N, C-alpha and C. Protein backbone atom coordinates (compact mmCIF):
# COMPACT_ATOMS: atom_id res chain seq x y z
N MET A 1 -61.12 39.88 68.56
CA MET A 1 -59.96 40.25 67.82
C MET A 1 -59.84 39.32 66.61
N PRO A 2 -59.67 39.82 65.41
CA PRO A 2 -59.37 38.96 64.27
C PRO A 2 -58.18 38.08 64.49
N LEU A 3 -58.24 36.85 63.93
CA LEU A 3 -57.15 35.90 64.12
C LEU A 3 -56.60 35.49 62.76
N LEU A 4 -55.34 35.69 62.60
CA LEU A 4 -54.61 35.37 61.35
C LEU A 4 -53.87 34.03 61.61
N LYS A 5 -54.10 33.05 60.72
CA LYS A 5 -53.51 31.74 60.87
C LYS A 5 -52.60 31.51 59.73
N ILE A 6 -51.29 31.15 59.97
CA ILE A 6 -50.32 30.95 58.89
C ILE A 6 -49.59 29.71 59.13
N ARG A 7 -48.96 29.13 58.14
CA ARG A 7 -47.98 28.04 58.24
C ARG A 7 -46.75 28.47 57.58
N LEU A 8 -45.65 28.35 58.28
CA LEU A 8 -44.31 28.66 57.83
C LEU A 8 -43.55 27.37 57.61
N THR A 9 -42.84 27.21 56.54
CA THR A 9 -41.96 26.06 56.27
C THR A 9 -40.56 26.51 56.33
N GLY A 10 -39.81 26.00 57.27
CA GLY A 10 -38.40 26.33 57.51
C GLY A 10 -37.94 25.92 58.77
N SER A 11 -36.81 26.36 59.13
CA SER A 11 -36.17 25.96 60.43
C SER A 11 -36.96 26.51 61.65
N GLU A 12 -36.67 25.93 62.80
CA GLU A 12 -37.30 26.48 64.02
C GLU A 12 -36.76 27.88 64.31
N ALA A 13 -35.46 28.13 64.10
CA ALA A 13 -34.89 29.42 64.33
C ALA A 13 -35.42 30.48 63.41
N ASP A 14 -35.62 30.12 62.15
CA ASP A 14 -36.26 31.14 61.23
C ASP A 14 -37.70 31.36 61.60
N ALA A 15 -38.48 30.38 61.99
CA ALA A 15 -39.84 30.63 62.41
C ALA A 15 -39.86 31.56 63.69
N ALA A 16 -38.89 31.34 64.57
CA ALA A 16 -38.89 32.14 65.82
C ALA A 16 -38.52 33.65 65.40
N THR A 17 -37.70 33.82 64.38
CA THR A 17 -37.32 35.10 63.91
C THR A 17 -38.54 35.84 63.32
N VAL A 18 -39.31 35.18 62.55
CA VAL A 18 -40.58 35.76 61.92
C VAL A 18 -41.52 36.13 63.06
N MET A 19 -41.72 35.26 64.04
CA MET A 19 -42.58 35.54 65.11
C MET A 19 -42.15 36.68 65.92
N SER A 20 -40.87 36.89 66.12
CA SER A 20 -40.26 38.03 66.93
C SER A 20 -40.54 39.28 66.17
N VAL A 21 -40.42 39.31 64.79
CA VAL A 21 -40.64 40.52 64.09
C VAL A 21 -42.09 40.93 64.20
N VAL A 22 -43.05 39.89 64.13
CA VAL A 22 -44.49 40.18 64.29
C VAL A 22 -44.78 40.76 65.64
N HIS A 23 -44.09 40.24 66.66
CA HIS A 23 -44.32 40.71 67.99
C HIS A 23 -44.12 42.24 68.15
N GLY A 24 -43.26 42.79 67.31
CA GLY A 24 -42.95 44.21 67.34
C GLY A 24 -44.04 45.09 66.73
N VAL A 25 -45.02 44.57 66.15
CA VAL A 25 -46.08 45.42 65.49
C VAL A 25 -47.09 45.91 66.56
N ASP A 26 -47.27 47.28 66.57
CA ASP A 26 -48.27 47.80 67.58
C ASP A 26 -49.61 47.26 67.34
N GLY A 27 -50.22 46.84 68.47
CA GLY A 27 -51.64 46.30 68.45
C GLY A 27 -51.61 44.80 68.40
N VAL A 28 -50.58 44.13 68.03
CA VAL A 28 -50.62 42.68 67.96
C VAL A 28 -50.64 42.11 69.46
N GLU A 29 -51.74 41.36 69.73
CA GLU A 29 -51.92 40.90 71.07
C GLU A 29 -51.17 39.60 71.39
N ARG A 30 -51.26 38.68 70.31
CA ARG A 30 -50.70 37.34 70.53
C ARG A 30 -50.04 36.82 69.33
N VAL A 31 -48.90 36.20 69.44
CA VAL A 31 -48.20 35.47 68.40
C VAL A 31 -47.80 34.14 69.01
N GLU A 32 -48.45 33.03 68.51
CA GLU A 32 -48.18 31.77 69.18
C GLU A 32 -48.09 30.63 68.18
N GLU A 33 -47.12 29.74 68.30
CA GLU A 33 -47.04 28.58 67.52
C GLU A 33 -47.91 27.57 68.16
N VAL A 34 -48.86 26.97 67.38
CA VAL A 34 -49.83 25.99 67.77
C VAL A 34 -49.56 24.61 67.15
N ALA A 35 -50.19 23.66 67.76
CA ALA A 35 -50.11 22.29 67.17
C ALA A 35 -50.72 22.31 65.78
N ASP A 36 -49.98 21.76 64.77
CA ASP A 36 -50.46 21.56 63.47
C ASP A 36 -51.16 20.29 63.33
N LEU A 37 -52.43 20.28 63.09
CA LEU A 37 -53.16 19.06 63.12
C LEU A 37 -53.21 18.40 61.69
N MET A 38 -52.65 19.01 60.73
CA MET A 38 -52.61 18.51 59.33
C MET A 38 -51.60 17.43 59.27
N PRO A 39 -51.94 16.22 58.75
CA PRO A 39 -51.00 15.15 58.60
C PRO A 39 -50.04 15.54 57.44
N HIS A 40 -48.78 15.25 57.61
CA HIS A 40 -47.83 15.69 56.54
C HIS A 40 -47.33 14.43 55.77
N MET A 41 -47.96 13.25 55.91
CA MET A 41 -47.75 12.10 55.07
C MET A 41 -46.23 11.72 54.90
N ASP A 42 -45.56 11.67 56.08
CA ASP A 42 -44.17 11.27 56.05
C ASP A 42 -44.07 9.76 56.16
N ASP A 43 -44.28 9.12 54.99
CA ASP A 43 -44.34 7.70 54.85
C ASP A 43 -42.94 7.09 54.76
N GLU A 44 -42.52 6.32 55.84
CA GLU A 44 -41.16 5.80 55.68
C GLU A 44 -40.92 4.77 54.54
N ASP A 45 -42.00 4.27 54.01
CA ASP A 45 -41.98 3.32 52.86
C ASP A 45 -41.98 4.05 51.49
N SER A 46 -42.03 5.33 51.45
CA SER A 46 -42.16 6.15 50.30
C SER A 46 -40.84 6.02 49.51
N SER A 47 -40.94 6.08 48.17
CA SER A 47 -39.80 6.00 47.35
C SER A 47 -38.87 7.21 47.56
N SER A 48 -39.35 8.25 48.08
CA SER A 48 -38.53 9.45 48.34
C SER A 48 -38.02 9.55 49.77
N ALA A 49 -38.33 8.55 50.70
CA ALA A 49 -37.90 8.56 52.02
C ALA A 49 -36.31 8.46 52.04
N GLY A 50 -35.79 9.35 52.90
CA GLY A 50 -34.38 9.40 53.06
C GLY A 50 -33.65 10.25 52.06
N LEU A 51 -34.26 10.80 51.07
CA LEU A 51 -33.54 11.64 50.10
C LEU A 51 -33.27 12.98 50.80
N VAL A 52 -32.34 13.68 50.28
CA VAL A 52 -31.84 14.96 50.83
C VAL A 52 -33.00 15.89 51.01
N ASP A 53 -33.86 16.05 50.03
CA ASP A 53 -34.96 17.02 50.07
C ASP A 53 -35.97 16.57 51.23
N ASP A 54 -36.02 15.28 51.52
CA ASP A 54 -36.94 14.75 52.52
C ASP A 54 -36.33 15.03 53.93
N GLN A 55 -35.12 15.31 54.05
CA GLN A 55 -34.40 15.45 55.34
C GLN A 55 -34.07 16.87 55.49
N GLY A 56 -34.67 17.82 54.83
CA GLY A 56 -34.32 19.25 54.91
C GLY A 56 -34.29 19.80 56.30
N ALA A 57 -33.74 20.96 56.37
CA ALA A 57 -33.62 21.66 57.73
C ALA A 57 -34.95 22.31 58.05
N GLY A 58 -35.98 22.13 57.41
CA GLY A 58 -37.18 22.79 57.64
C GLY A 58 -38.27 21.92 58.23
N GLY A 59 -39.18 22.56 58.84
CA GLY A 59 -40.41 21.86 59.32
C GLY A 59 -41.60 22.86 59.07
N VAL A 60 -42.74 22.34 59.43
CA VAL A 60 -43.88 23.13 59.28
C VAL A 60 -44.30 23.69 60.57
N HIS A 61 -44.58 24.97 60.69
CA HIS A 61 -44.83 25.70 61.92
C HIS A 61 -46.17 26.40 61.74
N ALA A 62 -47.16 25.97 62.52
CA ALA A 62 -48.51 26.66 62.47
C ALA A 62 -48.50 27.76 63.48
N ILE A 63 -48.83 28.93 63.05
CA ILE A 63 -48.74 30.13 63.91
C ILE A 63 -50.11 30.84 63.84
N GLU A 64 -50.55 31.33 65.07
CA GLU A 64 -51.78 32.13 65.20
C GLU A 64 -51.36 33.50 65.65
N ILE A 65 -51.93 34.54 65.04
CA ILE A 65 -51.71 35.91 65.37
C ILE A 65 -52.96 36.63 65.64
N GLU A 66 -53.16 37.24 66.79
CA GLU A 66 -54.30 38.08 67.04
C GLU A 66 -53.98 39.56 66.71
N VAL A 67 -54.80 40.11 65.81
CA VAL A 67 -54.56 41.49 65.42
C VAL A 67 -55.83 42.32 65.74
N PRO A 68 -55.72 43.63 65.98
CA PRO A 68 -56.78 44.42 66.37
C PRO A 68 -57.84 44.63 65.26
N GLY A 69 -57.40 44.63 63.99
CA GLY A 69 -58.32 44.79 62.91
C GLY A 69 -57.63 44.59 61.59
N PRO A 70 -58.49 44.74 60.55
CA PRO A 70 -57.99 44.46 59.19
C PRO A 70 -56.72 45.28 58.72
N HIS A 71 -56.65 46.49 59.19
CA HIS A 71 -55.54 47.38 58.75
C HIS A 71 -54.23 46.80 59.31
N THR A 72 -54.29 46.48 60.60
CA THR A 72 -53.06 45.91 61.18
C THR A 72 -52.79 44.51 60.62
N GLY A 73 -53.88 43.77 60.31
CA GLY A 73 -53.74 42.46 59.75
C GLY A 73 -52.98 42.49 58.36
N ASP A 74 -53.31 43.51 57.61
CA ASP A 74 -52.69 43.71 56.30
C ASP A 74 -51.22 43.97 56.47
N GLU A 75 -50.91 44.87 57.44
CA GLU A 75 -49.56 45.20 57.77
C GLU A 75 -48.74 43.98 58.20
N VAL A 76 -49.33 43.15 59.09
CA VAL A 76 -48.67 41.92 59.51
C VAL A 76 -48.45 41.00 58.39
N ARG A 77 -49.40 40.84 57.54
CA ARG A 77 -49.32 39.98 56.43
C ARG A 77 -48.17 40.28 55.53
N GLU A 78 -48.04 41.61 55.19
CA GLU A 78 -46.95 42.14 54.33
C GLU A 78 -45.56 41.86 55.04
N LEU A 79 -45.50 42.11 56.33
CA LEU A 79 -44.28 41.97 57.11
C LEU A 79 -43.89 40.45 57.15
N ILE A 80 -44.86 39.57 57.32
CA ILE A 80 -44.56 38.14 57.20
C ILE A 80 -44.02 37.67 55.87
N ILE A 81 -44.63 38.12 54.81
CA ILE A 81 -44.23 37.89 53.51
C ILE A 81 -42.74 38.31 53.27
N ARG A 82 -42.49 39.55 53.63
CA ARG A 82 -41.09 40.03 53.41
C ARG A 82 -40.08 39.29 54.33
N SER A 83 -40.39 39.03 55.54
CA SER A 83 -39.50 38.36 56.49
C SER A 83 -39.28 36.93 55.96
N ALA A 84 -40.33 36.21 55.71
CA ALA A 84 -40.20 34.72 55.25
C ALA A 84 -39.35 34.74 53.93
N GLU A 85 -39.63 35.61 53.09
CA GLU A 85 -38.86 35.66 51.74
C GLU A 85 -37.40 35.87 52.03
N SER A 86 -37.06 36.80 52.91
CA SER A 86 -35.68 37.05 53.22
C SER A 86 -34.90 35.91 53.87
N LEU A 87 -35.72 35.13 54.58
CA LEU A 87 -35.13 33.93 55.20
C LEU A 87 -35.20 32.64 54.43
N GLY A 88 -35.83 32.78 53.20
CA GLY A 88 -35.94 31.63 52.36
C GLY A 88 -37.02 30.58 52.80
N MET A 89 -37.97 31.12 53.49
CA MET A 89 -39.04 30.24 53.95
C MET A 89 -40.29 30.37 53.02
N ALA A 90 -41.16 29.22 53.19
CA ALA A 90 -42.40 29.31 52.44
C ALA A 90 -43.47 29.75 53.47
N VAL A 91 -44.47 30.52 53.03
CA VAL A 91 -45.55 30.97 54.00
C VAL A 91 -46.84 30.71 53.33
N GLU A 92 -47.78 30.21 54.07
CA GLU A 92 -49.17 29.94 53.59
C GLU A 92 -50.05 30.56 54.58
N PHE A 93 -51.02 31.39 54.08
CA PHE A 93 -52.03 32.01 54.90
C PHE A 93 -53.22 31.09 54.96
N VAL A 94 -53.45 30.45 56.13
CA VAL A 94 -54.49 29.41 56.23
C VAL A 94 -55.91 30.04 56.33
N ASP A 95 -56.06 30.93 57.22
CA ASP A 95 -57.35 31.57 57.49
C ASP A 95 -57.17 33.09 57.48
N ASP A 96 -57.85 33.75 56.59
CA ASP A 96 -57.92 35.20 56.67
C ASP A 96 -59.10 35.68 57.48
N PHE A 97 -59.01 36.72 58.15
CA PHE A 97 -60.05 37.30 58.97
C PHE A 97 -61.05 37.94 58.16
C-alpha cells in the first residue's frame, strides 16, 4: 500500500482531529503518529528563546497514512489540507507515493 507521510504543526488536539477525519476515509488502512527524527533546533541559548512565538501552543506531529492507491491518496491529501487550514495548522507533505 502507498504510504503518505506528513508533518502537522499545531496542538496535539488539532493533530488528533485531523487524524480522526482521515480515519473516516474509505480504504485508509492506517493513520499513525510516528516519532519525528528531524531535529528542531530548540537551542536554549538562542536569542529567540523564551519569546512568545517560541512557546506557541503547537508542536510538530509526524504522521503516516496508508492508502490503497493514488486516487484515495489525492482525496486524503485534499482532506488534510482543508482540515489543517480550518484549524489554523501548517501541513507539510514529506513523502508522496
